[in-house]
Amino acid sequence: MERINPPQFDERHPAEHAQQACTQGYRAFILGDDGHVEGRVDLQCSSDSEAIRMARQLVDGHDVELWQLDRKIETFSHVSTPHRKTEPVSPRHVR
């Protein structure tokens, strides 16, 4: 007689299953000065906006590209954009 194993039950709460089903896999690639990938951080997030927020936190001296599968979401630069220079105001001639 063949033995049949009982089904395996997951003991997590149903809300945990729902949360896991709603999370998506993202990858943040850490770029070197030459633009090549130096590292990768895998992120599990519920939305693009959450993934963007988390990827921004990884910018520390290196650019970071955020991807979900083959979809590039955004690139975060470690160099801040230069402030716009204003022209000096010439003093008015007082007569």
N, C-alpha and C. Protein backbone atom coordinates (compact mmCIF):
# COMPACT_ATOMS: atom_id res chain seq x y z
N MET A 1 0.83 -1.16 0.00
CA MET A 1 0.00 0.00 0.00
C MET A 1 0.89 1.24 0.00
N GLU A 2 0.55 2.20 -0.86
CA GLU A 2 1.34 3.42 -0.99
C GLU A 2 0.92 4.41 0.10
N ARG A 3 1.95 4.99 0.71
CA ARG A 3 1.68 5.97 1.77
C ARG A 3 1.50 7.35 1.16
N ILE A 4 0.48 8.05 1.57
CA ILE A 4 0.21 9.39 1.09
C ILE A 4 0.46 10.36 2.23
N ASN A 5 1.35 11.31 1.98
CA ASN A 5 1.66 12.30 3.00
C ASN A 5 0.55 13.35 3.06
N PRO A 6 0.21 13.79 4.26
CA PRO A 6 -0.80 14.83 4.37
C PRO A 6 -0.26 16.14 3.80
N PRO A 7 -1.14 17.01 3.34
CA PRO A 7 -0.66 18.28 2.80
C PRO A 7 0.01 19.11 3.88
N GLN A 8 0.99 19.87 3.46
CA GLN A 8 1.71 20.75 4.38
C GLN A 8 0.93 22.05 4.52
N PHE A 9 0.73 22.47 5.75
CA PHE A 9 0.01 23.70 6.01
C PHE A 9 0.98 24.77 6.47
N ASP A 10 0.78 25.95 5.96
CA ASP A 10 1.58 27.09 6.34
C ASP A 10 0.94 27.70 7.57
N GLU A 11 1.72 27.88 8.62
CA GLU A 11 1.17 28.33 9.89
C GLU A 11 1.11 29.85 10.02
N ARG A 12 1.48 30.57 8.96
CA ARG A 12 1.42 32.03 9.04
C ARG A 12 -0.02 32.51 9.01
N HIS A 13 -0.21 33.68 9.53
CA HIS A 13 -1.53 34.31 9.53
C HIS A 13 -1.92 34.66 8.10
N PRO A 14 -3.21 34.57 7.74
CA PRO A 14 -3.63 34.91 6.37
C PRO A 14 -3.21 36.30 5.91
N ALA A 15 -3.13 37.26 6.84
CA ALA A 15 -2.70 38.62 6.46
C ALA A 15 -1.27 38.61 5.95
N GLU A 16 -0.43 37.74 6.48
CA GLU A 16 0.95 37.64 6.00
C GLU A 16 0.98 37.14 4.57
N HIS A 17 0.07 36.20 4.25
CA HIS A 17 0.00 35.71 2.87
C HIS A 17 -0.40 36.84 1.93
N ALA A 18 -1.36 37.65 2.34
CA ALA A 18 -1.81 38.76 1.51
C ALA A 18 -0.69 39.76 1.32
N GLN A 19 0.05 40.06 2.38
CA GLN A 19 1.16 41.01 2.28
C GLN A 19 2.22 40.48 1.34
N GLN A 20 2.53 39.20 1.46
CA GLN A 20 3.56 38.62 0.60
C GLN A 20 3.10 38.64 -0.85
N ALA A 21 1.82 38.41 -1.09
CA ALA A 21 1.31 38.41 -2.46
C ALA A 21 1.36 39.81 -3.06
N CYS A 22 1.30 40.85 -2.23
CA CYS A 22 1.29 42.23 -2.72
C CYS A 22 2.69 42.81 -2.91
N THR A 23 3.71 42.16 -2.39
CA THR A 23 5.05 42.71 -2.54
C THR A 23 5.62 42.31 -3.89
N GLN A 24 6.47 43.17 -4.39
CA GLN A 24 7.09 42.95 -5.69
C GLN A 24 8.60 43.02 -5.53
N GLY A 25 9.28 42.31 -6.39
CA GLY A 25 10.73 42.31 -6.34
C GLY A 25 11.34 43.43 -7.17
N TYR A 26 12.21 44.18 -6.55
CA TYR A 26 12.94 45.26 -7.21
C TYR A 26 14.43 45.02 -6.98
N ARG A 27 15.24 45.61 -7.83
CA ARG A 27 16.69 45.54 -7.66
C ARG A 27 17.28 46.93 -7.79
N ALA A 28 18.09 47.27 -6.84
CA ALA A 28 18.81 48.54 -6.88
C ALA A 28 20.27 48.20 -7.19
N PHE A 29 20.75 48.73 -8.30
CA PHE A 29 22.12 48.47 -8.71
C PHE A 29 22.99 49.66 -8.32
N ILE A 30 24.07 49.38 -7.60
CA ILE A 30 25.03 50.39 -7.18
C ILE A 30 26.06 50.52 -8.30
N LEU A 31 26.21 51.73 -8.84
CA LEU A 31 27.09 51.94 -9.98
C LEU A 31 28.40 52.58 -9.56
N GLY A 32 29.48 52.14 -10.19
CA GLY A 32 30.79 52.73 -9.95
C GLY A 32 30.95 54.00 -10.75
N ASP A 33 32.08 54.66 -10.56
CA ASP A 33 32.36 55.91 -11.28
C ASP A 33 32.36 55.71 -12.80
N ASP A 34 32.69 54.50 -13.24
CA ASP A 34 32.72 54.22 -14.67
C ASP A 34 31.37 53.79 -15.22
N GLY A 35 30.33 53.75 -14.37
CA GLY A 35 29.00 53.37 -14.81
C GLY A 35 28.71 51.88 -14.76
N HIS A 36 29.70 51.07 -14.39
CA HIS A 36 29.49 49.63 -14.28
C HIS A 36 28.93 49.28 -12.91
N VAL A 37 28.19 48.18 -12.87
CA VAL A 37 27.57 47.74 -11.62
C VAL A 37 28.63 47.22 -10.66
N GLU A 38 28.60 47.76 -9.44
CA GLU A 38 29.52 47.31 -8.39
C GLU A 38 28.81 46.47 -7.34
N GLY A 39 27.50 46.58 -7.28
CA GLY A 39 26.75 45.81 -6.29
C GLY A 39 25.27 45.85 -6.59
N ARG A 40 24.53 45.02 -5.86
CA ARG A 40 23.09 44.93 -6.06
C ARG A 40 22.42 44.74 -4.72
N VAL A 41 21.28 45.41 -4.55
CA VAL A 41 20.47 45.24 -3.34
C VAL A 41 19.08 44.83 -3.80
N ASP A 42 18.61 43.67 -3.33
CA ASP A 42 17.27 43.21 -3.65
C ASP A 42 16.29 43.83 -2.67
N LEU A 43 15.20 44.37 -3.20
CA LEU A 43 14.19 45.04 -2.39
C LEU A 43 12.84 44.37 -2.60
N GLN A 44 12.09 44.18 -1.54
CA GLN A 44 10.71 43.70 -1.62
C GLN A 44 9.82 44.85 -1.16
N CYS A 45 9.06 45.39 -2.09
CA CYS A 45 8.26 46.58 -1.80
C CYS A 45 6.85 46.38 -2.33
N SER A 46 5.92 47.13 -1.76
CA SER A 46 4.52 47.01 -2.17
C SER A 46 4.18 47.91 -3.36
N SER A 47 5.07 48.86 -3.70
CA SER A 47 4.78 49.77 -4.80
C SER A 47 6.08 50.38 -5.33
N ASP A 48 5.97 51.00 -6.51
CA ASP A 48 7.12 51.71 -7.06
C ASP A 48 7.55 52.82 -6.13
N SER A 49 6.60 53.56 -5.57
CA SER A 49 6.97 54.69 -4.71
C SER A 49 7.74 54.24 -3.48
N GLU A 50 7.37 53.11 -2.93
CA GLU A 50 8.13 52.58 -1.78
C GLU A 50 9.52 52.15 -2.21
N ALA A 51 9.63 51.52 -3.37
CA ALA A 51 10.94 51.10 -3.89
C ALA A 51 11.82 52.31 -4.18
N ILE A 52 11.23 53.37 -4.71
CA ILE A 52 11.98 54.59 -4.98
C ILE A 52 12.50 55.19 -3.69
N ARG A 53 11.65 55.23 -2.68
CA ARG A 53 12.07 55.78 -1.38
C ARG A 53 13.23 54.98 -0.80
N MET A 54 13.16 53.66 -0.90
CA MET A 54 14.23 52.82 -0.35
C MET A 54 15.51 52.95 -1.17
N ALA A 55 15.39 53.02 -2.49
CA ALA A 55 16.57 53.12 -3.35
C ALA A 55 17.29 54.45 -3.13
N ARG A 56 16.54 55.51 -2.90
CA ARG A 56 17.16 56.82 -2.63
C ARG A 56 18.07 56.75 -1.41
N GLN A 57 17.70 55.93 -0.45
CA GLN A 57 18.49 55.81 0.78
C GLN A 57 19.83 55.11 0.53
N LEU A 58 19.96 54.44 -0.60
CA LEU A 58 21.20 53.72 -0.92
C LEU A 58 22.24 54.61 -1.58
N VAL A 59 21.84 55.80 -2.00
CA VAL A 59 22.77 56.72 -2.66
C VAL A 59 23.74 57.26 -1.62
N ASP A 60 25.00 56.83 -1.71
CA ASP A 60 26.03 57.27 -0.76
C ASP A 60 27.37 57.23 -1.47
N GLY A 61 27.61 58.24 -2.30
CA GLY A 61 28.87 58.30 -3.03
C GLY A 61 28.84 57.54 -4.35
N HIS A 62 27.72 56.89 -4.66
CA HIS A 62 27.58 56.15 -5.91
C HIS A 62 26.18 56.38 -6.47
N ASP A 63 26.07 56.35 -7.79
CA ASP A 63 24.75 56.41 -8.41
C ASP A 63 24.04 55.08 -8.19
N VAL A 64 22.72 55.10 -8.21
CA VAL A 64 21.91 53.90 -8.00
C VAL A 64 20.84 53.85 -9.09
N GLU A 65 20.72 52.69 -9.73
CA GLU A 65 19.63 52.47 -10.70
C GLU A 65 18.64 51.50 -10.07
N LEU A 66 17.36 51.83 -10.18
CA LEU A 66 16.29 50.99 -9.65
C LEU A 66 15.58 50.31 -10.80
N TRP A 67 15.47 48.97 -10.71
CA TRP A 67 14.83 48.16 -11.75
C TRP A 67 13.80 47.23 -11.13
N GLN A 68 12.77 46.92 -11.92
CA GLN A 68 11.86 45.82 -11.61
C GLN A 68 11.82 44.96 -12.86
N LEU A 69 12.37 43.77 -12.75
CA LEU A 69 12.56 42.88 -13.89
C LEU A 69 13.32 43.64 -14.98
N ASP A 70 12.74 43.80 -16.18
CA ASP A 70 13.44 44.50 -17.26
C ASP A 70 12.98 45.95 -17.41
N ARG A 71 12.31 46.47 -16.40
CA ARG A 71 11.79 47.84 -16.43
C ARG A 71 12.64 48.74 -15.53
N LYS A 72 13.32 49.67 -16.19
CA LYS A 72 14.12 50.64 -15.43
C LYS A 72 13.17 51.70 -14.88
N ILE A 73 13.22 51.91 -13.58
CA ILE A 73 12.30 52.85 -12.95
C ILE A 73 12.93 54.23 -12.82
N GLU A 74 14.14 54.29 -12.29
CA GLU A 74 14.77 55.59 -12.09
C GLU A 74 16.25 55.42 -11.79
N THR A 75 17.02 56.47 -12.07
CA THR A 75 18.43 56.54 -11.70
C THR A 75 18.58 57.67 -10.70
N PHE A 76 19.28 57.39 -9.62
CA PHE A 76 19.52 58.37 -8.57
C PHE A 76 21.00 58.73 -8.60
N SER A 77 21.29 60.00 -8.79
CA SER A 77 22.66 60.47 -8.88
C SER A 77 23.19 60.84 -7.50
N HIS A 78 24.44 60.51 -7.25
CA HIS A 78 25.05 60.88 -5.97
C HIS A 78 25.56 62.32 -6.00
N VAL A 79 25.60 62.91 -7.18
CA VAL A 79 26.06 64.28 -7.32
C VAL A 79 24.83 65.17 -7.36
N SER A 80 24.79 66.12 -6.45
CA SER A 80 23.65 67.03 -6.46
C SER A 80 23.78 67.98 -7.62
N THR A 81 22.66 68.42 -8.13
CA THR A 81 22.69 69.36 -9.24
C THR A 81 23.22 70.69 -8.74
N PRO A 82 24.09 71.31 -9.52
CA PRO A 82 24.67 72.58 -9.07
C PRO A 82 23.60 73.66 -8.94
N HIS A 83 23.81 74.52 -7.98
CA HIS A 83 22.88 75.62 -7.80
C HIS A 83 23.03 76.60 -8.95
N ARG A 84 21.93 77.15 -9.34
CA ARG A 84 21.95 78.11 -10.43
C ARG A 84 22.60 79.39 -9.94
N LYS A 85 23.58 79.85 -10.70
CA LYS A 85 24.27 81.08 -10.32
C LYS A 85 23.42 82.27 -10.75
N THR A 86 23.35 83.22 -9.88
CA THR A 86 22.63 84.44 -10.22
C THR A 86 23.64 85.51 -10.58
N GLU A 87 23.23 86.36 -11.47
CA GLU A 87 24.09 87.47 -11.89
C GLU A 87 24.18 88.48 -10.75
N PRO A 88 25.36 89.03 -10.52
CA PRO A 88 25.46 90.03 -9.46
C PRO A 88 24.64 91.26 -9.83
N VAL A 89 24.05 91.80 -8.84
CA VAL A 89 23.24 93.01 -9.04
C VAL A 89 24.14 94.20 -8.90
N SER A 90 24.17 95.04 -9.93
CA SER A 90 25.01 96.22 -9.84
C SER A 90 24.31 97.29 -9.00
N PRO A 91 25.09 97.98 -8.19
CA PRO A 91 24.47 98.99 -7.34
C PRO A 91 23.96 100.15 -8.19
N ARG A 92 22.89 100.74 -7.73
CA ARG A 92 22.34 101.90 -8.44
C ARG A 92 23.22 103.12 -8.17
N HIS A 93 23.33 103.87 -9.19
CA HIS A 93 24.12 105.09 -9.03
C HIS A 93 23.25 106.14 -8.35
N VAL A 94 23.74 106.65 -7.27
CA VAL A 94 23.00 107.67 -6.54
C VAL A 94 23.53 109.03 -6.96
N ARG A 95 22.68 109.94 -7.31
CA ARG A 95 23.11 111.27 -7.72
C ARG A 95 22.88 112.26 -6.65
